[in-house]
Protein backbone atom coordinates (compact mmCIF):
# COMPACT_ATOMS: atom_id res chain seq x y z
CA MET A 1 -9.17 32.05 -45.91
CA LYS A 2 -10.49 28.82 -44.92
CA GLN A 3 -13.13 29.09 -42.29
CA GLU A 4 -13.67 25.78 -39.95
CA THR A 5 -14.90 24.73 -36.59
CA SER A 6 -13.18 22.22 -34.63
CA GLN A 7 -14.57 18.42 -35.09
CA THR A 8 -15.30 16.09 -32.23
CA THR A 9 -14.93 13.01 -34.90
CA GLN A 10 -11.53 11.31 -35.21
CA LYS A 11 -9.67 12.49 -38.34
CA THR A 12 -6.85 10.11 -39.79
CA ASN A 13 -3.84 10.89 -41.84
CA LYS A 14 -1.62 8.07 -42.76
CA GLY A 15 1.18 10.20 -43.46
CA ILE A 16 1.04 11.99 -40.05
CA LYS A 17 2.15 9.80 -37.10
CA LYS A 18 4.27 12.19 -34.75
CA ILE A 19 4.04 15.98 -34.23
CA GLY A 20 6.16 18.49 -32.44
CA VAL A 21 4.99 21.44 -30.63
CA LEU A 22 7.40 24.69 -29.75
CA THR A 23 6.71 27.93 -28.27
CA SER A 24 9.04 30.75 -29.66
CA GLY A 25 9.42 34.43 -29.33
CA GLY A 26 8.35 36.34 -26.36
CA ASP A 27 6.36 34.24 -23.88
CA ALA A 28 2.69 35.14 -23.50
CA PRO A 29 0.11 33.78 -20.78
CA GLY A 30 -2.16 31.18 -22.50
CA MET A 31 0.92 29.48 -24.24
CA ASN A 32 0.61 26.45 -21.80
CA ALA A 33 -3.21 26.30 -22.51
CA ALA A 34 -2.32 26.12 -26.18
CA ILE A 35 0.48 23.29 -25.53
CA ARG A 36 -2.08 21.41 -23.50
CA ALA A 37 -4.55 21.59 -26.22
CA VAL A 38 -2.14 20.58 -29.03
CA THR A 39 -1.10 17.61 -26.91
CA ARG A 40 -4.65 16.40 -25.92
CA SER A 41 -6.30 16.59 -29.38
CA ALA A 42 -3.10 15.03 -31.24
CA ILE A 43 -3.49 11.99 -28.68
CA ALA A 44 -7.24 11.70 -29.24
CA HIS A 45 -6.15 11.39 -32.88
CA ASN A 46 -3.75 8.72 -32.09
CA LEU A 47 -0.72 10.79 -32.82
CA GLU A 48 2.61 10.98 -30.72
CA VAL A 49 3.18 14.48 -29.66
CA ILE A 50 7.04 15.55 -28.87
CA GLY A 51 7.57 18.95 -26.90
CA ILE A 52 10.46 20.94 -28.48
CA HIS A 53 12.11 23.03 -25.66
CA HIS A 54 13.67 26.33 -26.24
CA GLY A 55 12.25 27.34 -29.39
CA PHE A 56 13.92 27.03 -32.74
CA LYS A 57 16.93 26.63 -30.62
CA GLY A 58 15.66 23.21 -29.37
CA LEU A 59 15.16 22.04 -33.10
CA ILE A 60 18.73 22.45 -33.65
CA GLU A 61 20.02 21.34 -30.16
CA ASN A 62 17.74 18.32 -30.34
CA GLU A 63 16.02 19.28 -26.98
CA PHE A 64 13.14 16.89 -27.64
CA THR A 65 10.89 15.38 -24.89
CA PRO A 66 7.60 13.12 -25.51
CA LEU A 67 4.59 14.99 -24.10
CA THR A 68 1.64 12.75 -22.52
CA SER A 69 -2.33 13.72 -21.53
CA SER A 70 -0.94 13.61 -17.81
CA GLY A 71 2.11 15.31 -18.35
CA VAL A 72 0.31 18.39 -19.36
CA SER A 73 -2.19 18.23 -16.48
CA GLY A 74 -1.88 21.05 -14.52
CA ILE A 75 -0.34 23.55 -16.88
CA LEU A 76 -3.73 25.25 -18.30
CA GLN A 77 -3.60 28.18 -15.57
CA ASN A 78 0.07 28.70 -15.64
CA GLY A 79 1.53 31.78 -17.25
CA GLY A 80 4.73 31.43 -19.29
CA THR A 81 5.67 28.32 -21.09
CA ILE A 82 6.80 24.53 -19.83
CA LEU A 83 8.36 24.31 -23.09
CA LYS A 84 10.69 27.58 -22.59
CA THR A 85 11.64 30.02 -25.25
CA ALA A 86 14.82 31.32 -26.80
CA ARG A 87 16.07 33.27 -29.83
CA SER A 88 18.37 31.51 -32.04
CA ARG A 89 20.89 32.89 -34.32
CA GLU A 90 21.99 29.54 -35.77
CA PHE A 91 18.35 28.95 -37.00
CA LEU A 92 18.73 32.11 -39.14
CA THR A 93 21.60 30.33 -41.29
CA GLU A 94 20.99 27.46 -43.67
CA GLU A 95 23.32 25.19 -41.75
CA GLY A 96 21.40 25.51 -38.73
CA ARG A 97 17.84 24.94 -40.63
CA ALA A 98 19.53 21.75 -42.05
CA LYS A 99 20.52 20.57 -38.72
CA ALA A 100 17.07 21.12 -37.24
CA TYR A 101 15.73 19.27 -40.19
CA GLN A 102 17.92 16.64 -39.70
CA ASN A 103 16.75 16.14 -35.95
CA LEU A 104 13.31 16.30 -36.82
CA VAL A 105 13.56 13.48 -39.46
CA ASN A 106 15.79 11.33 -37.25
CA ALA A 107 12.95 11.87 -34.38
CA GLY A 108 10.16 10.67 -36.97
CA ILE A 109 8.39 14.03 -36.52
CA ASN A 110 6.13 14.63 -39.34
CA ALA A 111 4.67 18.20 -38.61
CA VAL A 112 5.28 20.74 -36.08
CA VAL A 113 3.06 23.45 -34.36
CA VAL A 114 4.66 26.65 -33.55
CA ILE A 115 3.07 28.85 -31.02
CA GLY A 116 4.42 32.59 -31.02
CA GLY A 117 4.36 35.51 -33.07
CA ASP A 118 5.09 37.00 -36.53
CA GLY A 119 8.98 36.52 -35.99
CA SER A 120 8.18 32.68 -35.10
CA PHE A 121 6.11 32.41 -38.09
CA THR A 122 8.52 33.88 -40.60
CA GLY A 123 11.24 31.39 -39.12
CA ALA A 124 8.85 28.62 -40.09
CA LEU A 125 7.79 30.05 -43.39
CA VAL A 126 11.52 29.93 -44.60
CA PHE A 127 12.02 26.35 -43.07
CA SER A 128 8.99 24.85 -44.66
CA LYS A 129 10.02 26.50 -48.06
CA GLU A 130 13.51 24.41 -47.55
CA PHE A 131 12.34 21.42 -46.08
CA ASP A 132 8.86 19.06 -46.80
CA ILE A 133 7.77 19.40 -43.11
CA PRO A 134 4.38 21.04 -42.46
CA PHE A 135 4.18 23.93 -39.99
CA VAL A 136 1.21 25.05 -38.53
CA GLY A 137 1.08 28.40 -36.34
CA ILE A 138 -0.84 29.51 -33.56
CA PRO A 139 -0.75 33.53 -32.66
CA ALA A 140 0.56 34.00 -29.21
CA THR A 141 1.56 37.71 -28.71
CA ILE A 142 0.59 40.13 -26.02
CA ASP A 143 0.79 43.00 -28.47
CA ASN A 144 -2.32 41.50 -30.49
CA ASP A 145 -0.76 42.51 -33.85
CA ILE A 146 -0.69 39.67 -36.14
CA PHE A 147 -2.30 39.94 -39.73
CA GLY A 148 -5.94 37.58 -40.27
CA THR A 149 -6.71 37.02 -36.36
CA ASP A 150 -8.90 39.32 -34.47
CA TYR A 151 -7.32 37.58 -31.33
CA THR A 152 -3.67 36.58 -30.18
CA ILE A 153 -3.30 34.25 -27.01
CA GLY A 154 -1.90 36.56 -24.29
CA TYR A 155 -3.37 40.14 -25.13
CA ASP A 156 -6.31 39.53 -22.80
CA THR A 157 -4.31 38.74 -19.67
CA ALA A 158 -1.54 41.49 -20.48
CA LEU A 159 -4.36 44.07 -21.16
CA ASN A 160 -5.74 43.26 -17.55
CA THR A 161 -2.47 43.26 -16.16
CA VAL A 162 -1.95 46.91 -17.70
CA VAL A 163 -5.52 47.93 -16.05
CA GLN A 164 -5.14 46.63 -12.43
CA ALA A 165 -1.48 48.32 -12.57
CA VAL A 166 -2.58 51.67 -13.36
CA ASP A 167 -5.63 51.71 -11.60
CA LYS A 168 -3.32 51.38 -8.54
CA ILE A 169 -0.84 53.99 -10.02
CA LYS A 170 -4.17 56.42 -10.32
CA ASP A 171 -4.77 56.08 -6.63
CA THR A 172 -1.33 57.38 -5.75
CA ALA A 173 -1.55 59.92 -8.65
CA ALA A 174 -4.58 61.40 -7.16
CA SER A 175 -3.55 61.49 -3.61
CA HIS A 176 -0.32 63.74 -4.62
CA GLY A 177 -1.68 65.84 -7.62
CA ARG A 178 0.92 63.88 -9.71
CA VAL A 179 0.93 63.25 -13.50
CA PHE A 180 2.17 59.87 -14.39
CA PHE A 181 3.85 58.98 -17.64
CA ILE A 182 3.29 55.20 -17.79
CA GLU A 183 5.07 53.19 -20.41
CA VAL A 184 3.59 49.76 -21.80
CA MET A 185 4.85 46.99 -24.15
CA GLY A 186 4.20 47.34 -28.04
CA ARG A 187 7.38 48.35 -29.76
CA GLU A 188 5.50 48.70 -33.15
CA ALA A 189 1.83 48.08 -32.25
CA GLY A 190 -0.13 50.26 -29.75
CA LEU A 191 -3.34 48.36 -29.40
CA LEU A 192 -2.55 47.40 -25.66
CA ALA A 193 -1.78 51.12 -24.97
CA LEU A 194 -4.85 52.37 -26.56
CA ASN A 195 -7.42 49.75 -24.91
CA GLY A 196 -5.44 50.02 -21.78
CA GLY A 197 -5.52 53.72 -21.70
CA ILE A 198 -9.20 53.85 -22.86
CA ALA A 199 -10.01 51.07 -19.66
CA VAL A 200 -8.36 53.30 -17.42
CA GLY A 201 -9.45 56.68 -18.43
CA ALA A 202 -6.14 57.94 -19.33
CA GLU A 203 -6.14 61.60 -20.35
CA VAL A 204 -3.48 61.10 -22.95
CA ILE A 205 -2.51 57.88 -25.09
CA LEU A 206 0.35 57.80 -27.33
CA ILE A 207 0.82 55.04 -29.88
CA PRO A 208 3.10 54.55 -33.12
CA GLU A 209 0.31 54.15 -35.50
CA SER A 210 -0.88 57.75 -34.91
CA ASN A 211 1.06 61.07 -34.89
CA THR A 212 -2.28 63.02 -34.31
CA GLU A 213 -2.27 62.63 -30.49
CA HIS A 214 1.04 64.48 -29.79
CA GLN A 215 -0.88 67.80 -29.11
CA ALA A 216 -3.03 65.80 -26.90
CA PHE A 217 -0.67 66.53 -23.82
CA ASP A 218 -0.71 70.40 -24.32
CA ARG A 219 -4.31 70.51 -24.62
CA PHE A 220 -4.72 68.43 -21.38
CA ILE A 221 -2.41 70.76 -19.43
CA SER A 222 -3.99 73.81 -20.94
CA LYS A 223 -7.37 72.62 -20.28
CA GLY A 224 -7.24 70.11 -17.78
CA TYR A 225 -5.14 71.21 -15.53
CA LYS A 226 -6.09 74.56 -15.44
CA ARG A 227 -9.84 73.45 -14.51
CA LYS A 228 -8.09 72.31 -11.31
CA LYS A 229 -7.38 68.86 -12.46
CA THR A 230 -5.32 67.23 -9.68
CA SER A 231 -3.86 64.38 -11.29
CA GLY A 232 -3.28 62.62 -14.69
CA ILE A 233 -2.11 59.70 -16.54
CA VAL A 234 -0.42 59.53 -19.79
CA VAL A 235 -0.10 56.07 -21.33
CA ILE A 236 2.49 55.33 -23.97
CA ALA A 237 3.50 52.59 -26.21
CA GLU A 238 7.07 51.70 -25.78
CA GLY A 239 7.63 52.11 -29.45
CA GLU A 240 6.09 55.63 -30.01
CA GLU A 241 8.13 57.57 -32.03
CA MET A 242 8.71 60.56 -30.08
CA GLY A 243 10.36 58.37 -27.40
CA GLY A 244 9.43 56.46 -24.48
CA ALA A 245 8.12 57.48 -21.40
CA LEU A 246 11.34 58.84 -19.73
CA LYS A 247 12.15 60.85 -22.69
CA LEU A 248 8.46 62.26 -22.93
CA ALA A 249 8.54 62.96 -19.29
CA LYS A 250 11.81 64.91 -19.22
CA LYS A 251 10.50 66.97 -22.15
CA ALA A 252 7.26 67.50 -20.26
CA GLU A 253 9.01 68.66 -17.17
CA GLN A 254 11.25 71.28 -19.16
CA GLU A 255 8.46 73.01 -20.88
CA ASN A 256 6.18 72.52 -17.47
CA PRO A 257 8.60 72.91 -14.45
CA ASP A 258 5.42 73.42 -12.27
CA LEU A 259 4.24 69.95 -12.72
CA ASP A 260 4.84 66.90 -10.31
CA ILE A 261 5.65 64.25 -12.93
CA ARG A 262 6.44 60.65 -12.43
CA VAL A 263 7.31 57.86 -14.69
CA SER A 264 6.28 53.95 -14.43
CA ILE A 265 7.41 51.39 -16.90
CA LEU A 266 5.28 48.52 -16.52
CA GLY A 267 7.86 46.41 -18.37
CA HIS A 268 7.70 42.68 -18.17
CA MET A 269 5.04 42.15 -15.61
CA GLN A 270 2.63 42.29 -18.74
CA ARG A 271 4.04 39.19 -19.90
CA GLY A 272 3.49 37.17 -16.75
CA GLY A 273 0.56 36.00 -14.67
CA ASN A 274 -2.26 33.60 -14.78
CA PRO A 275 -4.08 33.72 -18.09
CA THR A 276 -7.60 34.89 -18.43
CA ALA A 277 -10.62 32.83 -19.19
CA GLN A 278 -10.61 34.39 -22.43
CA ASP A 279 -6.88 33.39 -23.26
CA ARG A 280 -7.64 29.89 -22.03
CA VAL A 281 -10.41 29.16 -24.05
CA ALA A 282 -8.83 31.08 -27.31
CA ALA A 283 -5.61 29.16 -26.68
CA THR A 284 -7.86 25.74 -26.71
CA LYS A 285 -9.77 26.55 -29.49
CA MET A 286 -6.76 27.23 -31.59
CA GLY A 287 -4.50 24.29 -30.36
CA VAL A 288 -7.37 21.95 -31.30
CA ALA A 289 -7.70 23.72 -34.46
CA ALA A 290 -3.61 23.20 -35.26
CA VAL A 291 -3.85 19.66 -35.14
CA ASP A 292 -6.98 19.67 -37.01
CA ALA A 293 -5.26 21.56 -40.03
CA ILE A 294 -2.01 19.15 -39.73
CA LEU A 295 -4.66 16.25 -40.44
CA ASP A 296 -6.20 17.93 -43.28
CA ASP A 297 -2.98 18.35 -44.91
CA GLN A 298 -2.45 22.12 -44.17
CA LYS A 299 0.77 23.58 -44.02
CA SER A 300 2.58 27.02 -43.78
CA ILE A 301 -0.53 28.59 -42.38
CA MET A 302 -1.63 30.16 -38.90
CA VAL A 303 -4.72 29.33 -37.55
CA GLY A 304 -6.67 32.26 -36.02
CA LEU A 305 -9.79 33.48 -34.59
CA ARG A 306 -12.21 35.93 -36.62
CA TYR A 307 -15.53 36.64 -35.33
CA GLY A 308 -14.97 34.09 -32.69
CA LYS A 309 -14.57 31.54 -35.48
CA ILE A 310 -11.35 29.42 -36.61
CA VAL A 311 -9.71 30.66 -39.83
CA HIS A 312 -6.62 29.50 -41.77
CA VAL A 313 -4.22 32.16 -42.45
CA PRO A 314 -1.22 31.82 -45.14
CA PHE A 315 2.09 32.20 -43.18
CA ASN A 316 3.13 34.83 -46.01
CA LYS A 317 0.36 36.98 -45.31
CA ALA A 318 0.68 36.84 -41.62
CA VAL A 319 3.82 38.12 -41.58
CA LYS A 320 3.98 40.53 -44.53
CA LEU A 321 0.59 42.28 -44.02
CA ASN A 322 0.16 45.05 -41.28
CA HIS A 323 -2.50 44.24 -38.69
CA SER A 324 -4.31 47.81 -38.61
CA ILE A 325 -5.34 49.79 -35.47
CA ASP A 326 -8.99 50.63 -35.25
CA GLN A 327 -9.73 54.30 -35.92
CA ASP A 328 -12.90 54.02 -34.06
CA LEU A 329 -11.10 53.45 -30.79
CA LEU A 330 -8.88 56.68 -31.24
CA GLU A 331 -11.97 58.66 -32.17
CA ILE A 332 -13.65 57.37 -29.10
CA GLN A 333 -10.42 58.42 -27.04
CA ARG A 334 -10.54 62.00 -28.44
CA LEU A 335 -14.21 62.32 -27.68
CA ILE A 336 -13.97 61.23 -23.97
CA THR A 337 -11.10 63.19 -22.96
CA ILE A 338 -12.59 66.45 -23.61
């Protein structure tokens, strides 16, 4: 993987005159900061910037709008994405992608920055294999589950949202002596649940990457509750293989009818809100790096962060290789919930 830092000197590439930028997949806090960084960095290099609305759907439906430095002013602190996002079944077809390509050619767009997750990068990879337009990706997903980067835009904001919500739930749990089963996002990745659970002092954390914690609730009941523990927090990733919070809570109620159990599903509140400073800075660094990569003739890559430095990761690695969970975090959780 290539490692680089952003450059302050102006770069030139005679083949690149106009770039597009789109957001795809689930929205994540910090996407607007990335759009702003891409736009202003490109303009600083004398490039035109076109905003593509509604992701790959907008490519097909020709939803293009010029972006200016003043046009992206005031969006840094906003959640969501000013370019909107959408799913596109038509983009999955060869005909749809051919139409998207023709729209790019007609608009004079020479390269595209895609801000999204592995599904977005998969679409960009397929497209770039069929047509000669460079695509560079910026990882943005609250799950923080993209291979090759330590960090994805939106994760820190979502994590803090989880912590703030569960801290409030803990107050009412303690007041009523209840056990709360709290479901957080992460269908195939449990990092949000794991770090969130550790941060709030959850008694039990259930994630799809580990099946060794399924006895943790029984241990909590037999040891913790019998020691007069008056409340408890169980954090569950929505994709946990034994079921979500509702299913697991029902099972726990059947096995422990004396418990006062409640369920809280945090849902889409985790996607929204003003991005944290960390998300804003990371989005800005990666947005500038994406433009640098295009001007360096890179294509079919994602710009990521490893140990705080910019790296280039080929799309085929980013979408095919698994982002592993930190086993040390699992061990820490086991140690501190004795």
